N, C-alpha and C. Protein backbone atom coordinates (compact mmCIF):
# COMPACT_ATOMS: atom_id res chain seq x y z
N MET A 1 -4.45 -0.77 25.08
CA MET A 1 -4.51 -0.67 23.64
C MET A 1 -3.11 -0.94 23.05
N LEU A 2 -3.04 -1.76 22.05
CA LEU A 2 -1.76 -2.11 21.42
C LEU A 2 -1.30 -1.01 20.47
N ASN A 3 0.01 -0.83 20.42
CA ASN A 3 0.59 0.09 19.46
C ASN A 3 1.10 -0.75 18.29
N ASN A 4 0.41 -0.67 17.14
CA ASN A 4 0.76 -1.49 15.99
C ASN A 4 1.60 -0.74 14.95
N THR A 5 2.14 0.42 15.31
CA THR A 5 2.93 1.18 14.33
C THR A 5 4.18 0.38 13.97
N TYR A 6 4.71 0.68 12.79
CA TYR A 6 5.88 -0.04 12.29
C TYR A 6 6.77 0.89 11.49
N ASN A 7 8.00 1.05 11.93
CA ASN A 7 8.99 1.90 11.24
C ASN A 7 8.43 3.30 10.89
N GLY A 8 7.64 3.85 11.79
CA GLY A 8 7.10 5.19 11.57
C GLY A 8 5.81 5.21 10.75
N TRP A 9 5.32 4.08 10.34
CA TRP A 9 4.08 3.98 9.57
C TRP A 9 2.95 3.48 10.46
N THR A 10 1.73 3.63 9.99
CA THR A 10 0.55 3.21 10.74
C THR A 10 0.65 1.77 11.22
N ASN A 11 1.10 0.89 10.34
CA ASN A 11 1.21 -0.53 10.66
C ASN A 11 2.17 -1.21 9.69
N TYR A 12 2.43 -2.48 9.96
CA TYR A 12 3.34 -3.25 9.12
C TYR A 12 2.86 -3.31 7.67
N GLU A 13 1.56 -3.52 7.46
CA GLU A 13 1.01 -3.66 6.12
C GLU A 13 1.26 -2.41 5.27
N THR A 14 1.07 -1.25 5.87
CA THR A 14 1.28 0.03 5.16
C THR A 14 2.76 0.18 4.81
N TRP A 15 3.63 -0.08 5.79
CA TRP A 15 5.07 0.02 5.54
C TRP A 15 5.49 -0.95 4.45
N ARG A 16 5.02 -2.19 4.51
CA ARG A 16 5.46 -3.22 3.56
C ARG A 16 5.01 -2.94 2.13
N ILE A 17 3.76 -2.52 1.96
CA ILE A 17 3.26 -2.23 0.60
C ILE A 17 4.02 -1.03 0.04
N ASN A 18 4.23 0.01 0.86
CA ASN A 18 4.98 1.16 0.40
C ASN A 18 6.40 0.73 -0.01
N LEU A 19 7.03 -0.12 0.77
CA LEU A 19 8.36 -0.61 0.46
C LEU A 19 8.37 -1.48 -0.81
N GLU A 20 7.50 -2.45 -0.88
CA GLU A 20 7.49 -3.41 -2.01
C GLU A 20 7.21 -2.73 -3.34
N TYR A 21 6.33 -1.74 -3.32
CA TYR A 21 5.95 -1.09 -4.58
C TYR A 21 6.74 0.20 -4.84
N GLY A 22 7.59 0.58 -3.89
CA GLY A 22 8.40 1.78 -4.09
C GLY A 22 7.55 3.01 -4.30
N LEU A 23 6.46 3.08 -3.57
CA LEU A 23 5.47 4.14 -3.82
C LEU A 23 6.00 5.53 -3.54
N CYS A 24 6.96 5.65 -2.64
CA CYS A 24 7.49 6.97 -2.33
C CYS A 24 8.79 7.27 -3.07
N ASP A 25 9.13 6.41 -4.02
CA ASP A 25 10.37 6.60 -4.77
C ASP A 25 10.17 7.46 -6.02
N GLY A 26 8.99 7.97 -6.23
CA GLY A 26 8.72 8.80 -7.39
C GLY A 26 7.87 8.08 -8.42
N GLY A 27 7.18 8.86 -9.22
CA GLY A 27 6.38 8.29 -10.26
C GLY A 27 4.92 8.13 -9.91
N PHE A 28 4.57 8.35 -8.67
CA PHE A 28 3.19 8.19 -8.24
C PHE A 28 2.57 9.49 -7.75
N GLU A 29 3.24 10.60 -8.05
CA GLU A 29 2.72 11.90 -7.65
C GLU A 29 1.34 12.11 -8.30
N GLY A 30 0.42 12.65 -7.53
CA GLY A 30 -0.93 12.91 -8.03
C GLY A 30 -1.87 11.73 -7.91
N TYR A 31 -1.36 10.58 -7.48
CA TYR A 31 -2.23 9.43 -7.28
C TYR A 31 -3.00 9.63 -5.96
N SER A 32 -4.28 9.40 -5.99
CA SER A 32 -5.07 9.44 -4.78
C SER A 32 -4.90 8.12 -4.04
N ALA A 33 -5.37 8.09 -2.79
CA ALA A 33 -5.32 6.84 -2.02
C ALA A 33 -6.09 5.75 -2.75
N GLU A 34 -7.23 6.07 -3.29
CA GLU A 34 -8.03 5.09 -4.02
C GLU A 34 -7.29 4.58 -5.28
N MET A 35 -6.64 5.45 -5.99
CA MET A 35 -5.89 5.06 -7.18
C MET A 35 -4.76 4.12 -6.82
N LEU A 36 -4.05 4.42 -5.73
CA LEU A 36 -2.95 3.55 -5.29
C LEU A 36 -3.48 2.16 -4.91
N GLN A 37 -4.57 2.13 -4.18
CA GLN A 37 -5.18 0.85 -3.77
C GLN A 37 -5.60 0.06 -4.99
N ASN A 38 -6.27 0.70 -5.93
CA ASN A 38 -6.73 0.00 -7.13
C ASN A 38 -5.55 -0.54 -7.93
N MET A 39 -4.49 0.23 -8.04
CA MET A 39 -3.32 -0.20 -8.77
C MET A 39 -2.71 -1.45 -8.15
N VAL A 40 -2.55 -1.45 -6.83
CA VAL A 40 -1.96 -2.61 -6.16
C VAL A 40 -2.89 -3.81 -6.25
N GLU A 41 -4.19 -3.61 -6.08
CA GLU A 41 -5.15 -4.72 -6.18
C GLU A 41 -5.12 -5.34 -7.58
N GLU A 42 -5.12 -4.50 -8.60
CA GLU A 42 -5.08 -5.00 -9.99
C GLU A 42 -3.78 -5.77 -10.24
N HIS A 43 -2.67 -5.25 -9.76
CA HIS A 43 -1.39 -5.93 -9.92
C HIS A 43 -1.43 -7.32 -9.26
N LEU A 44 -1.95 -7.39 -8.06
CA LEU A 44 -2.03 -8.66 -7.36
C LEU A 44 -2.94 -9.66 -8.10
N GLU A 45 -4.07 -9.16 -8.57
CA GLU A 45 -5.01 -10.03 -9.27
C GLU A 45 -4.42 -10.54 -10.58
N GLU A 46 -3.62 -9.73 -11.25
CA GLU A 46 -2.98 -10.16 -12.50
C GLU A 46 -1.88 -11.18 -12.24
N ASP A 47 -1.14 -11.01 -11.17
CA ASP A 47 0.01 -11.87 -10.91
C ASP A 47 -0.29 -13.13 -10.11
N CYS A 48 -1.42 -13.17 -9.42
CA CYS A 48 -1.75 -14.33 -8.61
C CYS A 48 -2.74 -15.21 -9.36
N ASN A 49 -2.35 -16.44 -9.59
CA ASN A 49 -3.26 -17.36 -10.28
C ASN A 49 -3.88 -18.36 -9.32
N ASN A 50 -3.62 -18.20 -8.05
CA ASN A 50 -4.16 -19.08 -7.03
C ASN A 50 -5.18 -18.31 -6.19
N LYS A 51 -6.41 -18.78 -6.14
CA LYS A 51 -7.46 -18.05 -5.44
C LYS A 51 -7.19 -17.85 -3.95
N SER A 52 -6.59 -18.82 -3.31
CA SER A 52 -6.33 -18.65 -1.89
C SER A 52 -5.21 -17.64 -1.67
N THR A 53 -4.24 -17.57 -2.57
CA THR A 53 -3.16 -16.59 -2.46
C THR A 53 -3.70 -15.20 -2.65
N ILE A 54 -4.54 -15.00 -3.64
CA ILE A 54 -5.10 -13.66 -3.87
C ILE A 54 -6.01 -13.25 -2.71
N SER A 55 -6.73 -14.19 -2.16
CA SER A 55 -7.59 -13.92 -1.02
C SER A 55 -6.76 -13.45 0.18
N TYR A 56 -5.65 -14.14 0.43
CA TYR A 56 -4.75 -13.76 1.51
C TYR A 56 -4.14 -12.37 1.24
N ALA A 57 -3.70 -12.14 0.02
CA ALA A 57 -3.08 -10.86 -0.33
C ALA A 57 -4.07 -9.71 -0.19
N LEU A 58 -5.30 -9.90 -0.65
CA LEU A 58 -6.31 -8.84 -0.52
C LEU A 58 -6.67 -8.58 0.95
N SER A 59 -6.66 -9.63 1.75
CA SER A 59 -6.90 -9.45 3.18
C SER A 59 -5.77 -8.63 3.81
N PHE A 60 -4.53 -8.94 3.42
CA PHE A 60 -3.37 -8.21 3.91
C PHE A 60 -3.46 -6.72 3.55
N ILE A 61 -3.78 -6.42 2.30
CA ILE A 61 -3.78 -5.00 1.90
C ILE A 61 -5.01 -4.26 2.40
N SER A 62 -6.01 -5.00 2.90
CA SER A 62 -7.17 -4.29 3.48
C SER A 62 -6.79 -3.51 4.72
N GLU A 63 -5.63 -3.83 5.30
CA GLU A 63 -5.15 -3.14 6.50
C GLU A 63 -4.27 -1.94 6.17
N VAL A 64 -3.95 -1.72 4.90
CA VAL A 64 -3.06 -0.63 4.48
C VAL A 64 -3.73 0.71 4.67
N ASN A 65 -3.01 1.67 5.17
CA ASN A 65 -3.49 3.03 5.29
C ASN A 65 -3.09 3.77 4.00
N TRP A 66 -3.94 3.68 3.01
CA TRP A 66 -3.66 4.27 1.69
C TRP A 66 -3.57 5.78 1.76
N ASN A 67 -4.33 6.40 2.65
CA ASN A 67 -4.25 7.87 2.79
C ASN A 67 -2.87 8.29 3.29
N GLU A 68 -2.31 7.52 4.20
CA GLU A 68 -0.97 7.83 4.69
C GLU A 68 0.07 7.75 3.58
N ILE A 69 -0.04 6.73 2.75
CA ILE A 69 0.91 6.59 1.65
C ILE A 69 0.75 7.73 0.67
N ALA A 70 -0.49 8.07 0.30
CA ALA A 70 -0.72 9.18 -0.63
C ALA A 70 -0.19 10.49 -0.08
N ARG A 71 -0.41 10.75 1.21
CA ARG A 71 0.11 11.97 1.85
C ARG A 71 1.64 11.98 1.80
N ASN A 72 2.24 10.85 2.09
CA ASN A 72 3.69 10.76 2.08
C ASN A 72 4.27 11.01 0.71
N ILE A 73 3.62 10.50 -0.31
CA ILE A 73 4.08 10.76 -1.68
C ILE A 73 4.08 12.25 -1.98
N GLU A 74 2.99 12.92 -1.62
CA GLU A 74 2.90 14.36 -1.88
C GLU A 74 3.91 15.14 -1.04
N GLU A 75 4.12 14.75 0.20
CA GLU A 75 5.10 15.43 1.04
C GLU A 75 6.52 15.27 0.51
N ASN A 76 6.83 14.11 -0.03
CA ASN A 76 8.17 13.87 -0.59
C ASN A 76 8.38 14.63 -1.90
N ARG A 77 7.30 14.96 -2.55
CA ARG A 77 7.39 15.70 -3.82
C ARG A 77 7.78 17.14 -3.58
N GLU A 78 7.37 17.69 -2.46
CA GLU A 78 7.62 19.10 -2.14
C GLU A 78 8.99 19.38 -1.68
């Protein structure tokens, strides 16, 4: 079985989205995993005007562990 963890996160996708959006830098306290995912998806859909790019981006974020990010946000708040 492969170990796909990355920099202490579940995988590269989770680490990268958390990094790119600064999700643990504050301002997202109280967001559920679903809220975080919806926010990122909406942002991508608004900013991408190319259907193949948005398809690729949505495929990438389908691998994100949103629960891990939400937990991390709450742990950093405490």
